[in-house]
N, C-alpha and C. Protein backbone atom coordinates (compact mmCIF):
# COMPACT_ATOMS: atom_id res chain seq x y z
N MET A 1 -68.12 9.54 -42.91
CA MET A 1 -68.55 9.93 -41.61
C MET A 1 -67.32 10.43 -40.82
N PRO A 2 -67.38 11.61 -40.39
CA PRO A 2 -66.25 12.20 -39.67
C PRO A 2 -66.15 11.61 -38.27
N ILE A 3 -64.91 11.42 -37.88
CA ILE A 3 -64.66 10.89 -36.54
C ILE A 3 -64.56 12.08 -35.61
N ALA A 4 -65.31 11.98 -34.58
CA ALA A 4 -65.32 13.08 -33.62
C ALA A 4 -64.26 12.82 -32.56
N LYS A 5 -63.55 13.83 -32.24
CA LYS A 5 -62.55 13.71 -31.19
C LYS A 5 -63.23 13.92 -29.85
N VAL A 6 -62.82 13.09 -28.94
CA VAL A 6 -63.36 13.24 -27.59
C VAL A 6 -62.36 14.09 -26.83
N ALA A 7 -62.85 15.14 -26.31
CA ALA A 7 -61.97 16.03 -25.56
C ALA A 7 -61.78 15.47 -24.15
N ARG A 8 -60.52 15.33 -23.79
CA ARG A 8 -60.22 14.88 -22.44
C ARG A 8 -60.11 16.09 -21.54
N PRO A 9 -60.49 15.87 -20.33
CA PRO A 9 -60.33 17.00 -19.42
C PRO A 9 -58.85 17.31 -19.23
N ARG A 10 -58.53 18.55 -19.13
CA ARG A 10 -57.14 18.99 -18.99
C ARG A 10 -56.52 18.46 -17.70
N ALA A 11 -57.27 18.27 -16.67
CA ALA A 11 -56.76 17.78 -15.39
C ALA A 11 -56.21 16.37 -15.54
N ALA A 12 -56.84 15.53 -16.33
CA ALA A 12 -56.38 14.15 -16.51
C ALA A 12 -55.03 14.14 -17.23
N VAL A 13 -54.84 14.99 -18.22
CA VAL A 13 -53.58 15.08 -18.95
C VAL A 13 -52.48 15.57 -18.00
N ASP A 14 -52.77 16.56 -17.16
CA ASP A 14 -51.77 17.09 -16.22
C ASP A 14 -51.37 16.05 -15.19
N VAL A 15 -52.32 15.23 -14.74
CA VAL A 15 -52.01 14.20 -13.74
C VAL A 15 -51.07 13.17 -14.33
N ARG A 16 -51.32 12.76 -15.57
CA ARG A 16 -50.43 11.79 -16.21
C ARG A 16 -49.03 12.37 -16.41
N ALA A 17 -48.95 13.58 -16.81
CA ALA A 17 -47.65 14.22 -17.05
C ALA A 17 -46.88 14.37 -15.75
N THR A 18 -47.55 14.80 -14.69
CA THR A 18 -46.84 14.97 -13.42
C THR A 18 -46.51 13.62 -12.80
N THR A 19 -47.36 12.59 -13.02
CA THR A 19 -47.05 11.26 -12.51
C THR A 19 -45.83 10.70 -13.23
N GLY A 20 -45.75 10.85 -14.51
CA GLY A 20 -44.59 10.40 -15.27
C GLY A 20 -43.34 11.14 -14.85
N LEU A 21 -43.47 12.41 -14.59
CA LEU A 21 -42.34 13.21 -14.13
C LEU A 21 -41.88 12.76 -12.75
N ARG A 22 -42.83 12.46 -11.90
CA ARG A 22 -42.48 11.99 -10.56
C ARG A 22 -41.78 10.64 -10.61
N VAL A 23 -42.25 9.74 -11.45
CA VAL A 23 -41.64 8.41 -11.57
C VAL A 23 -40.22 8.55 -12.12
N SER A 24 -40.05 9.35 -13.15
CA SER A 24 -38.70 9.51 -13.71
C SER A 24 -37.77 10.20 -12.72
N THR A 25 -38.28 11.15 -11.96
CA THR A 25 -37.47 11.80 -10.93
C THR A 25 -37.09 10.81 -9.84
N PHE A 26 -38.03 9.95 -9.46
CA PHE A 26 -37.77 8.93 -8.44
C PHE A 26 -36.71 7.94 -8.94
N ILE A 27 -36.83 7.49 -10.18
CA ILE A 27 -35.86 6.55 -10.73
C ILE A 27 -34.48 7.19 -10.82
N LEU A 28 -34.43 8.43 -11.27
CA LEU A 28 -33.15 9.13 -11.35
C LEU A 28 -32.53 9.30 -9.97
N SER A 29 -33.33 9.66 -8.99
CA SER A 29 -32.84 9.81 -7.62
C SER A 29 -32.33 8.49 -7.09
N LEU A 30 -33.06 7.41 -7.38
CA LEU A 30 -32.65 6.08 -6.94
C LEU A 30 -31.33 5.67 -7.59
N LEU A 31 -31.16 5.96 -8.87
CA LEU A 31 -29.90 5.65 -9.56
C LEU A 31 -28.73 6.44 -8.98
N VAL A 32 -28.97 7.70 -8.69
CA VAL A 32 -27.91 8.52 -8.08
C VAL A 32 -27.55 7.97 -6.70
N LEU A 33 -28.54 7.57 -5.93
CA LEU A 33 -28.30 7.01 -4.61
C LEU A 33 -27.51 5.71 -4.69
N VAL A 34 -27.87 4.86 -5.63
CA VAL A 34 -27.13 3.60 -5.82
C VAL A 34 -25.70 3.89 -6.25
N ALA A 35 -25.50 4.85 -7.13
CA ALA A 35 -24.15 5.20 -7.58
C ALA A 35 -23.31 5.72 -6.41
N VAL A 36 -23.89 6.56 -5.59
CA VAL A 36 -23.16 7.09 -4.43
C VAL A 36 -22.82 5.95 -3.47
N ALA A 37 -23.76 5.04 -3.25
CA ALA A 37 -23.50 3.91 -2.36
C ALA A 37 -22.38 3.03 -2.91
N LEU A 38 -22.38 2.79 -4.22
CA LEU A 38 -21.31 1.98 -4.83
C LEU A 38 -19.95 2.66 -4.70
N VAL A 39 -19.90 3.95 -4.91
CA VAL A 39 -18.63 4.68 -4.76
C VAL A 39 -18.15 4.62 -3.31
N TYR A 40 -19.07 4.73 -2.37
CA TYR A 40 -18.69 4.67 -0.95
C TYR A 40 -18.14 3.29 -0.61
N VAL A 41 -18.81 2.24 -1.05
CA VAL A 41 -18.35 0.87 -0.75
C VAL A 41 -17.01 0.62 -1.41
N TRP A 42 -16.85 1.05 -2.67
CA TRP A 42 -15.58 0.86 -3.36
C TRP A 42 -14.45 1.58 -2.62
N SER A 43 -14.70 2.81 -2.21
CA SER A 43 -13.63 3.56 -1.52
C SER A 43 -13.30 2.92 -0.18
N HIS A 44 -14.29 2.39 0.51
CA HIS A 44 -14.05 1.72 1.79
C HIS A 44 -13.22 0.45 1.57
N LEU A 45 -13.55 -0.34 0.55
CA LEU A 45 -12.78 -1.55 0.26
C LEU A 45 -11.36 -1.20 -0.18
N HIS A 46 -11.22 -0.18 -0.98
CA HIS A 46 -9.89 0.24 -1.43
C HIS A 46 -9.05 0.70 -0.24
N ASN A 47 -9.66 1.45 0.65
CA ASN A 47 -8.98 1.92 1.86
C ASN A 47 -8.53 0.73 2.71
N THR A 48 -9.38 -0.27 2.86
CA THR A 48 -9.03 -1.46 3.64
C THR A 48 -7.88 -2.21 2.99
N GLN A 49 -7.90 -2.35 1.67
CA GLN A 49 -6.80 -3.01 0.98
C GLN A 49 -5.49 -2.25 1.17
N LEU A 50 -5.55 -0.94 1.11
CA LEU A 50 -4.34 -0.14 1.33
C LEU A 50 -3.80 -0.31 2.74
N LYS A 51 -4.69 -0.40 3.71
CA LYS A 51 -4.24 -0.61 5.10
C LYS A 51 -3.54 -1.95 5.24
N TYR A 52 -4.06 -3.00 4.58
CA TYR A 52 -3.40 -4.30 4.63
C TYR A 52 -2.03 -4.24 3.96
N ARG A 53 -1.94 -3.56 2.84
CA ARG A 53 -0.65 -3.43 2.16
C ARG A 53 0.35 -2.67 3.01
N ILE A 54 -0.12 -1.62 3.68
CA ILE A 54 0.76 -0.85 4.56
C ILE A 54 1.26 -1.73 5.70
N ALA A 55 0.37 -2.53 6.28
CA ALA A 55 0.77 -3.42 7.36
C ALA A 55 1.81 -4.43 6.89
N GLU A 56 1.61 -4.98 5.68
CA GLU A 56 2.58 -5.93 5.14
C GLU A 56 3.94 -5.26 4.92
N GLU A 57 3.92 -4.07 4.36
CA GLU A 57 5.17 -3.35 4.10
C GLU A 57 5.88 -2.98 5.41
N MET A 58 5.11 -2.66 6.43
CA MET A 58 5.73 -2.34 7.71
C MET A 58 6.38 -3.59 8.31
N THR A 59 5.77 -4.76 8.13
CA THR A 59 6.36 -6.01 8.59
C THR A 59 7.66 -6.28 7.85
N VAL A 60 7.64 -6.07 6.54
CA VAL A 60 8.86 -6.26 5.74
C VAL A 60 9.95 -5.29 6.21
N ARG A 61 9.55 -4.03 6.45
CA ARG A 61 10.52 -3.04 6.92
C ARG A 61 11.13 -3.45 8.26
N ASP A 62 10.29 -3.93 9.18
CA ASP A 62 10.79 -4.35 10.48
C ASP A 62 11.76 -5.53 10.35
N ASN A 63 11.42 -6.48 9.47
CA ASN A 63 12.31 -7.62 9.26
C ASN A 63 13.65 -7.18 8.67
N LEU A 64 13.59 -6.27 7.72
CA LEU A 64 14.83 -5.78 7.11
C LEU A 64 15.66 -4.96 8.09
N THR A 65 15.00 -4.21 8.94
CA THR A 65 15.72 -3.44 9.96
C THR A 65 16.43 -4.37 10.93
N GLU A 66 15.75 -5.44 11.32
CA GLU A 66 16.37 -6.42 12.23
C GLU A 66 17.54 -7.12 11.56
N GLU A 67 17.37 -7.49 10.29
CA GLU A 67 18.46 -8.13 9.56
C GLU A 67 19.65 -7.18 9.41
N ASN A 68 19.37 -5.91 9.15
CA ASN A 68 20.43 -4.91 9.04
C ASN A 68 21.20 -4.78 10.36
N ARG A 69 20.47 -4.78 11.46
CA ARG A 69 21.13 -4.69 12.77
C ARG A 69 22.03 -5.89 13.00
N ARG A 70 21.52 -7.10 12.67
CA ARG A 70 22.33 -8.31 12.85
C ARG A 70 23.58 -8.29 11.96
N LEU A 71 23.43 -7.79 10.74
CA LEU A 71 24.58 -7.73 9.84
C LEU A 71 25.62 -6.72 10.32
N LYS A 72 25.17 -5.62 10.90
CA LYS A 72 26.13 -4.65 11.45
C LYS A 72 26.90 -5.25 12.61
N VAL A 73 26.22 -6.02 13.44
CA VAL A 73 26.90 -6.69 14.56
C VAL A 73 27.90 -7.71 14.01
N GLU A 74 27.50 -8.43 12.97
CA GLU A 74 28.40 -9.42 12.37
C GLU A 74 29.62 -8.74 11.76
N ILE A 75 29.42 -7.62 11.09
CA ILE A 75 30.56 -6.88 10.51
C ILE A 75 31.50 -6.41 11.61
N ALA A 76 30.94 -5.88 12.67
CA ALA A 76 31.78 -5.41 13.79
C ALA A 76 32.58 -6.57 14.38
N THR A 77 31.95 -7.73 14.48
CA THR A 77 32.64 -8.90 15.03
C THR A 77 33.76 -9.35 14.08
N LEU A 78 33.48 -9.40 12.80
CA LEU A 78 34.47 -9.85 11.83
C LEU A 78 35.64 -8.88 11.70
N LYS A 79 35.40 -7.59 11.94
CA LYS A 79 36.45 -6.59 11.80
C LYS A 79 37.26 -6.38 13.08
N SER A 80 36.91 -7.06 14.15
CA SER A 80 37.60 -6.80 15.42
C SER A 80 39.08 -7.18 15.32
N PRO A 81 39.94 -6.32 15.81
CA PRO A 81 41.39 -6.59 15.73
C PRO A 81 41.79 -7.88 16.47
N GLN A 82 41.15 -8.19 17.56
CA GLN A 82 41.48 -9.42 18.30
C GLN A 82 41.21 -10.66 17.45
N ARG A 83 40.12 -10.66 16.73
CA ARG A 83 39.79 -11.80 15.88
C ARG A 83 40.79 -11.93 14.75
N ILE A 84 41.12 -10.82 14.12
CA ILE A 84 42.07 -10.85 12.99
C ILE A 84 43.43 -11.33 13.47
N GLU A 85 43.86 -10.85 14.62
CA GLU A 85 45.16 -11.28 15.17
C GLU A 85 45.13 -12.76 15.50
N SER A 86 44.04 -13.23 16.05
CA SER A 86 43.91 -14.65 16.39
C SER A 86 43.98 -15.52 15.14
N ILE A 87 43.33 -15.13 14.09
CA ILE A 87 43.38 -15.90 12.84
C ILE A 87 44.79 -15.88 12.27
N ALA A 88 45.44 -14.71 12.29
CA ALA A 88 46.80 -14.59 11.74
C ALA A 88 47.77 -15.49 12.51
N ARG A 89 47.63 -15.53 13.81
CA ARG A 89 48.55 -16.31 14.63
C ARG A 89 48.25 -17.81 14.54
N ASP A 90 46.98 -18.20 14.66
CA ASP A 90 46.65 -19.62 14.75
C ASP A 90 46.54 -20.30 13.38
N LYS A 91 45.80 -19.74 12.47
CA LYS A 91 45.57 -20.40 11.19
C LYS A 91 46.70 -20.15 10.20
N LEU A 92 47.17 -18.90 10.15
CA LEU A 92 48.19 -18.55 9.16
C LEU A 92 49.61 -18.69 9.70
N LYS A 93 49.73 -18.99 10.98
CA LYS A 93 51.03 -19.17 11.65
C LYS A 93 51.94 -17.95 11.49
N LEU A 94 51.35 -16.78 11.57
CA LEU A 94 52.12 -15.54 11.50
C LEU A 94 52.52 -15.14 12.91
N GLN A 95 53.58 -14.37 13.00
CA GLN A 95 54.02 -13.86 14.29
C GLN A 95 54.60 -12.47 14.11
N TYR A 96 54.75 -11.77 15.21
CA TYR A 96 55.31 -10.42 15.12
C TYR A 96 56.77 -10.52 14.70
N PRO A 97 57.26 -9.56 13.89
CA PRO A 97 58.66 -9.62 13.44
C PRO A 97 59.62 -9.29 14.60
N GLU A 98 60.76 -9.89 14.52
CA GLU A 98 61.81 -9.58 15.49
C GLU A 98 62.38 -8.20 15.15
N ARG A 99 63.10 -7.65 16.10
CA ARG A 99 63.64 -6.32 15.92
C ARG A 99 64.58 -6.26 14.72
N GLU A 100 65.34 -7.29 14.48
CA GLU A 100 66.29 -7.33 13.37
C GLU A 100 65.57 -7.43 12.01
N GLN A 101 64.36 -7.92 11.99
CA GLN A 101 63.62 -8.11 10.74
C GLN A 101 62.93 -6.83 10.25
N VAL A 102 62.88 -5.82 11.10
CA VAL A 102 62.20 -4.58 10.74
C VAL A 102 63.18 -3.70 9.97
N VAL A 103 62.77 -3.20 8.81
CA VAL A 103 63.60 -2.32 7.98
C VAL A 103 62.85 -1.00 7.83
N LEU A 104 63.52 0.07 8.19
CA LEU A 104 62.94 1.40 8.05
C LEU A 104 63.32 1.97 6.70
N ILE A 105 62.37 2.50 6.00
CA ILE A 105 62.62 3.09 4.68
C ILE A 105 62.41 4.59 4.81
N LYS A 106 63.40 5.35 4.30
CA LYS A 106 63.32 6.80 4.37
C LYS A 106 63.07 7.38 3.03
């Protein structure tokens, strides 16, 4: 006994095909939207982390600049002729030579 095929109306087949196409298009659009949202959030977080790192580095720079300024003042103080003369006279017991002690070399 032959099996008879039941012919489906063409409209029903088209509706299923377009519905499947619409669902797959919707899912694809949703995936693209989620991907864009994730990239946006990642870039925003990365930007925030970079701003924190910049702020930390600027604090380090400011501290180093202040330390450099203090060290320059200390160097100037240590190199002052009055201080060196005072140390030579008081601690090392040095004194200026007398006129007879000076020898000129030609």
